[in-house]
Amino acid sequence: MTHDAPVLTLPEELILLALDPERGRPTCKARDLAYGTAGAVLAELELQGRIREESGRVQVVNPLDPADPLLSALLRTLGPPAKSRRRPGVRARRWVGDNDRHVQEKYLDSLVERAVLSRETRRFLGVFPYHRHFPGVPDLTRGVLDRFAAAEAAGYPDHRDRVLAALAAAIGLAGDLTRLGRTGRTVMKVMRRTEWTAAAVHYNVKQHESGDGWSGEGGEGGGCGGGGGE
């Protein structure tokens, strides 16, 4: 009897693309992957026709629950469909910055529960617990990497592949993933700039690097969560 491989959402694919299977941690900064995972949730919801972006704000256009329970719960954090509010929706940059830790932890837990990843809990200085995550059985990370390489070789003909590449570039994975050298990095960088979800992720990455945390426009403030998986 054969078993079909689990269907992976964009946040799950991004986590697997970033995973160093030997060390059990992301090849990029854990905090950056957390931002990327949050941005990938918005990208998945847009691909499923649940939300749209307008002037940097996320608007719900179809509030019906997606099949994935995590996506359903996160869709509800974006508010009801816009009607007559002056500035409908939440700012994409802020949502990514506010939900990075929560989103990544939920998706890592889900991947472990479904045996896509296995988890080892270790202790720093013998006291402080932290997690390492390794490919499960069967190992799906190889398939995700191979599909990404095939999409790059074909010029990213599918919108979903372009979004995933843009998100990967936003968190600093372009150099690790491309098989086309400088040309591949440049293509992914261009897509990072044109995909609004990746742009929101990259904004938070740069804000964190500068030590500013999240700082919204028009006086909107917000906190940032940790990366998870450290």
Protein backbone atom coordinates (compact mmCIF):
# COMPACT_ATOMS: atom_id res chain seq x y z
CA MET A 1 0.00 0.00 0.00
CA THR A 2 1.32 3.45 -0.89
CA HIS A 3 0.62 6.64 0.97
CA ASP A 4 0.31 10.00 -0.74
CA ALA A 5 2.75 12.66 0.45
CA PRO A 6 1.15 15.39 2.58
CA VAL A 7 0.04 18.49 0.72
CA LEU A 8 2.22 21.35 1.91
CA THR A 9 1.21 24.99 2.17
CA LEU A 10 3.61 27.83 1.35
CA PRO A 11 4.65 28.42 4.98
CA GLU A 12 5.44 24.72 5.34
CA GLU A 13 7.42 24.64 2.11
CA LEU A 14 9.42 27.69 3.16
CA ILE A 15 10.30 26.07 6.50
CA LEU A 16 11.51 22.93 4.72
CA LEU A 17 13.49 24.95 2.16
CA ALA A 18 15.29 26.73 5.00
CA LEU A 19 16.05 23.60 7.05
CA ASP A 20 19.59 22.37 7.49
CA PRO A 21 18.83 18.65 7.85
CA GLU A 22 22.15 17.89 9.53
CA ARG A 23 21.98 20.55 12.24
CA GLY A 24 18.22 20.70 12.61
CA ARG A 25 18.05 24.47 12.33
CA PRO A 26 17.41 26.99 9.54
CA THR A 27 20.25 28.00 7.25
CA CYS A 28 19.07 31.60 7.52
CA LYS A 29 18.52 33.56 10.73
CA ALA A 30 15.70 32.00 12.76
CA ARG A 31 14.04 35.39 13.26
CA ASP A 32 14.06 36.00 9.51
CA LEU A 33 12.44 32.62 8.87
CA ALA A 34 9.73 33.54 11.36
CA TYR A 35 8.96 36.70 9.38
CA GLY A 36 9.03 34.64 6.19
CA THR A 37 6.61 32.08 7.59
CA ALA A 38 4.14 34.81 8.52
CA GLY A 39 4.45 36.36 5.07
CA ALA A 40 3.95 32.95 3.48
CA VAL A 41 0.63 32.62 5.30
CA LEU A 42 -0.57 35.83 3.65
CA ALA A 43 0.71 34.56 0.31
CA GLU A 44 -1.12 31.25 0.69
CA LEU A 45 -4.35 33.00 1.65
CA GLU A 46 -4.04 35.25 -1.41
CA LEU A 47 -3.42 32.29 -3.71
CA GLN A 48 -6.55 30.63 -2.31
CA GLY A 49 -8.59 33.77 -3.04
CA ARG A 50 -9.23 34.65 0.63
CA ILE A 51 -7.47 38.01 0.78
CA ARG A 52 -6.13 40.76 -1.43
CA GLU A 53 -3.67 43.60 -0.93
CA GLU A 54 -4.38 47.24 -1.63
CA SER A 55 -2.01 50.09 -0.79
CA GLY A 56 -0.08 47.93 1.63
CA ARG A 57 -3.15 46.74 3.52
CA VAL A 58 -4.63 43.25 3.65
CA GLN A 59 -8.33 42.92 2.95
CA VAL A 60 -10.40 39.78 3.43
CA VAL A 61 -12.49 39.07 0.34
CA ASN A 62 -13.65 35.54 1.16
CA PRO A 63 -14.05 34.73 4.87
CA LEU A 64 -14.98 31.06 4.33
CA ASP A 65 -12.59 28.81 6.23
CA PRO A 66 -9.79 27.24 4.18
CA ALA A 67 -9.34 23.48 4.49
CA ASP A 68 -6.14 23.94 6.49
CA PRO A 69 -7.09 24.61 10.15
CA LEU A 70 -4.09 26.85 10.78
CA LEU A 71 -4.91 29.01 7.78
CA SER A 72 -8.51 29.22 9.00
CA ALA A 73 -7.45 30.49 12.42
CA LEU A 74 -5.02 33.00 10.94
CA LEU A 75 -7.54 34.26 8.40
CA ARG A 76 -9.78 35.27 11.29
CA THR A 77 -7.05 37.52 12.69
CA LEU A 78 -7.29 39.66 9.57
CA GLY A 79 -10.82 40.85 10.31
CA PRO A 80 -14.11 40.68 8.39
CA PRO A 81 -14.48 41.58 4.71
CA ALA A 82 -14.08 45.31 4.09
CA LYS A 83 -17.24 47.32 3.46
CA SER A 84 -17.27 51.03 4.10
CA ARG A 85 -14.36 51.62 6.45
CA ARG A 86 -12.13 54.51 5.45
CA ARG A 87 -8.94 52.43 5.64
CA PRO A 88 -10.02 48.79 5.47
CA GLY A 89 -7.78 45.92 6.36
CA VAL A 90 -4.62 45.58 8.41
CA ARG A 91 -1.21 46.75 7.29
CA ALA A 92 0.72 43.82 5.83
CA ARG A 93 4.04 44.91 7.33
CA ARG A 94 2.56 45.15 10.78
CA TRP A 95 0.75 41.81 10.62
CA VAL A 96 3.99 40.06 9.63
CA GLY A 97 5.90 41.80 12.42
CA ASP A 98 3.27 41.07 15.04
CA ASN A 99 2.67 37.41 14.18
CA ASP A 100 6.08 36.01 13.25
CA ARG A 101 6.76 34.01 16.43
CA HIS A 102 3.20 32.75 16.83
CA VAL A 103 2.87 31.65 13.20
CA GLN A 104 6.19 29.85 13.01
CA GLU A 105 5.65 27.99 16.29
CA LYS A 106 2.21 26.82 15.15
CA TYR A 107 3.51 25.53 11.83
CA LEU A 108 6.49 23.79 13.39
CA ASP A 109 4.15 22.10 15.87
CA SER A 110 1.88 21.01 13.02
CA LEU A 111 4.77 19.61 10.97
CA VAL A 112 5.97 17.64 13.99
CA GLU A 113 2.46 16.33 14.74
CA ARG A 114 2.16 15.10 11.14
CA ALA A 115 5.63 13.51 11.29
CA VAL A 116 6.92 15.72 8.47
CA LEU A 117 9.56 16.84 10.98
CA SER A 118 10.91 15.24 14.11
CA ARG A 119 11.83 17.35 17.13
CA GLU A 120 14.66 17.11 19.62
CA THR A 121 14.51 19.25 22.75
CA ARG A 122 17.88 20.26 24.12
CA ARG A 123 18.98 22.56 26.94
CA PHE A 124 21.36 25.48 26.75
CA LEU A 125 23.71 25.46 29.78
CA GLY A 126 21.66 22.53 30.98
CA VAL A 127 18.76 24.85 31.84
CA PHE A 128 17.12 26.69 28.96
CA PRO A 129 15.21 24.44 26.52
CA TYR A 130 15.39 24.88 22.76
CA HIS A 131 14.37 22.74 19.80
CA ARG A 132 16.05 21.19 16.80
CA HIS A 133 13.97 19.90 13.89
CA PHE A 134 15.00 17.15 11.48
CA PRO A 135 13.36 15.62 8.38
CA GLY A 136 10.79 12.93 9.10
CA VAL A 137 10.27 9.60 7.37
CA PRO A 138 9.77 9.82 4.48
CA ASP A 139 12.01 12.86 4.04
CA LEU A 140 9.97 15.55 2.24
CA THR A 141 12.68 18.21 2.30
CA ARG A 142 14.51 16.69 -0.67
CA GLY A 143 11.37 16.78 -2.78
CA VAL A 144 10.70 20.43 -1.89
CA LEU A 145 14.26 21.38 -2.84
CA ASP A 146 14.05 19.45 -6.11
CA ARG A 147 10.74 21.10 -7.04
CA PHE A 148 12.23 24.50 -6.31
CA ALA A 149 15.25 23.75 -8.51
CA ALA A 150 12.98 22.56 -11.32
CA ALA A 151 10.90 25.74 -11.08
CA GLU A 152 14.04 27.88 -11.25
CA ALA A 153 15.35 25.97 -14.25
CA ALA A 154 12.02 26.52 -16.04
CA GLY A 155 11.98 30.24 -15.26
CA TYR A 156 9.32 30.07 -12.54
CA PRO A 157 6.34 29.63 -14.88
CA ASP A 158 3.89 29.17 -12.00
CA HIS A 159 2.83 32.09 -9.79
CA ARG A 160 3.08 29.95 -6.68
CA ASP A 161 6.70 29.17 -7.46
CA ARG A 162 7.47 32.84 -8.00
CA VAL A 163 5.96 33.74 -4.66
CA LEU A 164 7.95 31.05 -2.87
CA ALA A 165 11.17 32.24 -4.53
CA ALA A 166 10.39 35.83 -3.57
CA LEU A 167 9.80 34.86 0.06
CA ALA A 168 13.02 32.84 0.10
CA ALA A 169 14.94 35.84 -1.22
CA ALA A 170 13.33 38.09 1.42
CA ILE A 171 14.84 36.03 4.24
CA GLY A 172 18.28 35.60 2.69
CA LEU A 173 17.97 32.12 1.18
CA ALA A 174 18.56 33.06 -2.46
CA GLY A 175 22.26 32.24 -2.39
CA ASP A 176 21.65 28.86 -0.75
CA LEU A 177 18.84 27.79 -3.07
CA THR A 178 19.75 29.02 -6.52
CA ARG A 179 21.63 26.79 -8.92
CA LEU A 180 22.19 29.64 -11.38
CA GLY A 181 24.68 31.71 -9.40
CA ARG A 182 24.47 35.49 -9.60
CA THR A 183 21.77 35.36 -12.28
CA GLY A 184 19.55 33.24 -10.07
CA ARG A 185 20.04 35.55 -7.08
CA THR A 186 19.18 38.57 -9.21
CA VAL A 187 15.99 36.99 -10.54
CA MET A 188 14.85 36.11 -7.02
CA LYS A 189 15.67 39.62 -5.80
CA VAL A 190 13.51 41.15 -8.54
CA MET A 191 10.61 38.89 -7.55
CA ARG A 192 11.11 39.85 -3.90
CA ARG A 193 10.51 43.46 -4.84
CA THR A 194 7.40 42.77 -6.92
CA GLU A 195 5.55 40.37 -4.57
CA TRP A 196 3.88 42.36 -1.79
CA THR A 197 4.08 39.54 0.74
CA ALA A 198 7.83 39.21 0.24
CA ALA A 199 8.24 42.98 0.42
CA ALA A 200 6.44 43.01 3.80
CA VAL A 201 8.73 40.24 5.05
CA HIS A 202 11.90 41.95 3.82
CA TYR A 203 10.84 45.21 5.47
CA ASN A 204 10.63 43.48 8.85
CA VAL A 205 13.94 41.69 8.29
CA LYS A 206 15.67 45.00 7.62
CA GLN A 207 13.95 46.72 10.55
CA HIS A 208 15.15 43.98 12.87
CA GLU A 209 18.69 44.18 11.50
CA SER A 210 18.74 47.92 12.15
CA GLY A 211 17.56 47.37 15.72
CA ASP A 212 14.37 49.33 15.23
CA GLY A 213 11.92 46.44 15.56
CA TRP A 214 8.65 47.03 13.74
CA SER A 215 7.78 50.66 13.08
CA GLY A 216 4.67 51.31 11.07
CA GLU A 217 3.67 54.40 9.18
CA GLY A 218 1.17 56.85 10.55
CA GLY A 219 2.09 56.13 14.16
CA GLU A 220 1.24 52.43 14.06
CA GLY A 221 3.55 50.53 16.37
CA GLY A 222 3.96 46.89 17.16
CA GLY A 223 6.19 44.24 18.62
CA CYS A 224 8.08 41.46 16.97
CA GLY A 225 8.19 37.86 18.06
CA GLY A 226 11.19 35.58 18.13
CA GLY A 227 12.28 33.23 15.43
CA GLY A 228 11.45 29.85 16.93
CA GLY A 229 13.45 26.78 16.19
CA GLU A 230 16.55 28.15 17.84
